[in-house]
Amino acid sequence: MSRVLVLNGPNLGRLGSREPDVYGAQDLSALRVLLAEKATEGTEIDVRQTDDEAELIGWLHEAVDTETPVILNPAAFTHYSYALRDAAKLVTAAGIPLVEVHISNPHAREEFRHTSVISAVATGVIAGFGFDSYVLALSAVGRG
């Protein structure tokens, strides 16, 4: 069985109730179900969320150690976490796909959201398609 880590950063545990006009009305449980339905047979979808930068970095290290593709929504860490950037770079430097995703389109929002320190080290970036951003990323890592 293959596996995909779907990692979500700060405040994404509040999906469904946090700014539904921006992030939609569905929560991470709904995302888990959607991705399981879209995944290729034999693919385990491991959806995780944390508000802790160190925990997210540890999960990226796990991806390197287990050679597991990553779909990463770094949330607010997108804009300033060089530690997360360095961990993401370890993933792609090991030849493991890492797709940065965003539910909303950061470029259509406040100016501070326009810069990602993660994008330059990611395999690719998908943004602005709601939960379909994750579905597209699943396809991009070859598991959907």
Protein backbone atom coordinates (compact mmCIF):
# COMPACT_ATOMS: atom_id res chain seq x y z
CA MET A 1 0.00 0.00 0.00
CA SER A 2 1.24 3.50 -0.80
CA ARG A 3 0.60 6.52 1.36
CA VAL A 4 0.27 10.29 0.94
CA LEU A 5 0.77 12.69 3.81
CA VAL A 6 -1.73 15.57 3.66
CA LEU A 7 -0.33 18.10 6.10
CA ASN A 8 -2.19 21.18 7.26
CA GLY A 9 -0.85 24.08 9.28
CA PRO A 10 -2.27 26.51 11.80
CA ASN A 11 -5.97 27.26 12.12
CA LEU A 12 -6.98 24.70 9.50
CA GLY A 13 -8.43 22.60 12.30
CA ARG A 14 -11.14 25.27 12.31
CA LEU A 15 -12.22 24.61 8.73
CA GLY A 16 -15.98 24.63 8.41
CA SER A 17 -16.41 27.36 11.00
CA ARG A 18 -13.53 29.75 10.26
CA GLU A 19 -14.35 32.26 7.52
CA PRO A 20 -16.57 29.94 5.47
CA ASP A 21 -16.80 32.64 2.78
CA VAL A 22 -13.03 32.17 2.24
CA TYR A 23 -12.41 28.54 3.21
CA GLY A 24 -15.79 26.90 2.61
CA ALA A 25 -18.15 25.13 4.97
CA GLN A 26 -16.49 21.70 5.06
CA ASP A 27 -14.04 20.50 7.70
CA LEU A 28 -10.97 18.24 7.66
CA SER A 29 -13.15 15.14 8.09
CA ALA A 30 -14.88 16.00 4.81
CA LEU A 31 -11.47 16.53 3.18
CA ARG A 32 -10.34 13.10 4.41
CA VAL A 33 -13.43 11.44 2.89
CA LEU A 34 -13.06 13.33 -0.41
CA LEU A 35 -9.40 12.40 -0.83
CA ALA A 36 -10.03 8.76 0.10
CA GLU A 37 -12.68 8.64 -2.63
CA LYS A 38 -10.34 10.22 -5.21
CA ALA A 39 -7.20 8.25 -4.32
CA THR A 40 -6.03 5.40 -6.49
CA GLU A 41 -6.75 1.94 -5.15
CA GLY A 42 -4.26 0.92 -2.50
CA THR A 43 -3.40 4.49 -1.48
CA GLU A 44 -3.72 5.49 2.15
CA ILE A 45 -4.55 9.15 2.73
CA ASP A 46 -3.06 10.39 6.00
CA VAL A 47 -4.60 13.80 6.77
CA ARG A 48 -3.00 15.66 9.68
CA GLN A 49 -3.33 19.16 11.11
CA THR A 50 -1.30 21.06 13.67
CA ASP A 51 -0.92 24.57 14.96
CA ASP A 52 2.66 23.68 16.01
CA GLU A 53 5.48 24.51 13.61
CA ALA A 54 7.84 21.94 15.16
CA GLU A 55 5.31 19.14 14.74
CA LEU A 56 4.78 20.04 11.07
CA ILE A 57 8.54 20.02 10.51
CA GLY A 58 8.76 16.61 12.17
CA TRP A 59 6.11 15.27 9.80
CA LEU A 60 8.16 16.50 6.82
CA HIS A 61 11.20 14.70 8.23
CA GLU A 62 9.01 11.58 8.48
CA ALA A 63 8.11 11.99 4.80
CA VAL A 64 11.81 11.99 3.90
CA ASP A 65 12.56 8.96 6.07
CA THR A 66 9.62 6.96 4.67
CA GLU A 67 9.81 8.35 1.09
CA THR A 68 6.18 9.48 1.30
CA PRO A 69 4.72 12.12 -1.07
CA VAL A 70 3.38 15.23 0.63
CA ILE A 71 0.48 17.57 0.03
CA LEU A 72 1.21 20.58 2.24
CA ASN A 73 -1.06 23.45 3.18
CA PRO A 74 1.34 25.47 5.33
CA ALA A 75 -1.38 28.05 6.14
CA ALA A 76 0.10 31.09 7.90
CA PHE A 77 3.55 29.45 7.98
CA THR A 78 3.55 29.94 4.18
CA HIS A 79 4.65 33.53 4.55
CA TYR A 80 7.47 33.44 7.06
CA SER A 81 8.60 30.00 8.25
CA TYR A 82 12.08 29.45 6.93
CA ALA A 83 12.38 26.42 9.20
CA LEU A 84 9.38 24.86 7.44
CA ARG A 85 10.88 25.85 4.08
CA ASP A 86 14.12 24.05 4.94
CA ALA A 87 12.20 20.92 5.95
CA ALA A 88 10.14 21.05 2.73
CA LYS A 89 13.36 21.36 0.75
CA LEU A 90 14.62 18.14 2.37
CA VAL A 91 11.56 16.39 0.92
CA THR A 92 12.01 17.59 -2.65
CA ALA A 93 15.81 17.28 -2.52
CA ALA A 94 15.23 13.59 -1.73
CA GLY A 95 13.22 13.32 -4.96
CA ILE A 96 9.89 13.04 -3.15
CA PRO A 97 6.98 15.11 -4.51
CA LEU A 98 5.72 17.92 -2.30
CA VAL A 99 2.82 20.00 -3.57
CA GLU A 100 1.97 23.24 -1.77
CA VAL A 101 -1.79 23.81 -1.68
CA HIS A 102 -4.08 26.59 -0.61
CA ILE A 103 -7.86 26.51 -0.39
CA SER A 104 -8.15 30.19 -1.28
CA ASN A 105 -6.07 32.14 -3.77
CA PRO A 106 -3.49 33.98 -1.64
CA HIS A 107 -2.81 36.42 -4.49
CA ALA A 108 -6.41 37.61 -4.42
CA ARG A 109 -6.21 38.40 -0.71
CA GLU A 110 -4.21 40.73 1.54
CA GLU A 111 -0.78 41.72 0.25
CA PHE A 112 1.10 39.93 3.06
CA ARG A 113 -0.36 36.64 1.75
CA HIS A 114 1.18 37.11 -1.70
CA THR A 115 4.60 35.80 -0.68
CA SER A 116 5.33 32.14 -0.03
CA VAL A 117 8.69 31.04 1.31
CA ILE A 118 7.66 27.43 0.52
CA SER A 119 6.84 27.72 -3.20
CA ALA A 120 10.43 27.87 -4.42
CA VAL A 121 11.25 24.47 -2.91
CA ALA A 122 7.92 22.74 -3.64
CA THR A 123 7.42 20.48 -6.63
CA GLY A 124 4.43 22.64 -7.53
CA VAL A 125 1.75 24.96 -6.13
CA ILE A 126 -2.04 24.69 -6.47
CA ALA A 127 -4.26 27.41 -5.03
CA GLY A 128 -7.71 28.87 -5.16
CA PHE A 129 -9.83 25.81 -5.95
CA GLY A 130 -11.16 25.05 -2.47
CA PHE A 131 -10.83 21.38 -1.54
CA ASP A 132 -10.28 20.64 -5.22
CA SER A 133 -6.79 22.11 -4.71
CA TYR A 134 -6.04 18.98 -2.68
CA VAL A 135 -7.64 16.70 -5.28
CA LEU A 136 -5.48 18.26 -8.00
CA ALA A 137 -2.42 17.84 -5.78
CA LEU A 138 -3.30 14.18 -5.22
CA SER A 139 -3.25 13.72 -8.97
CA ALA A 140 0.02 15.63 -9.22
CA VAL A 141 1.75 13.25 -6.79
CA GLY A 142 0.50 10.34 -8.86
CA ARG A 143 -1.99 8.95 -6.37
CA GLY A 144 -5.30 10.28 -7.66
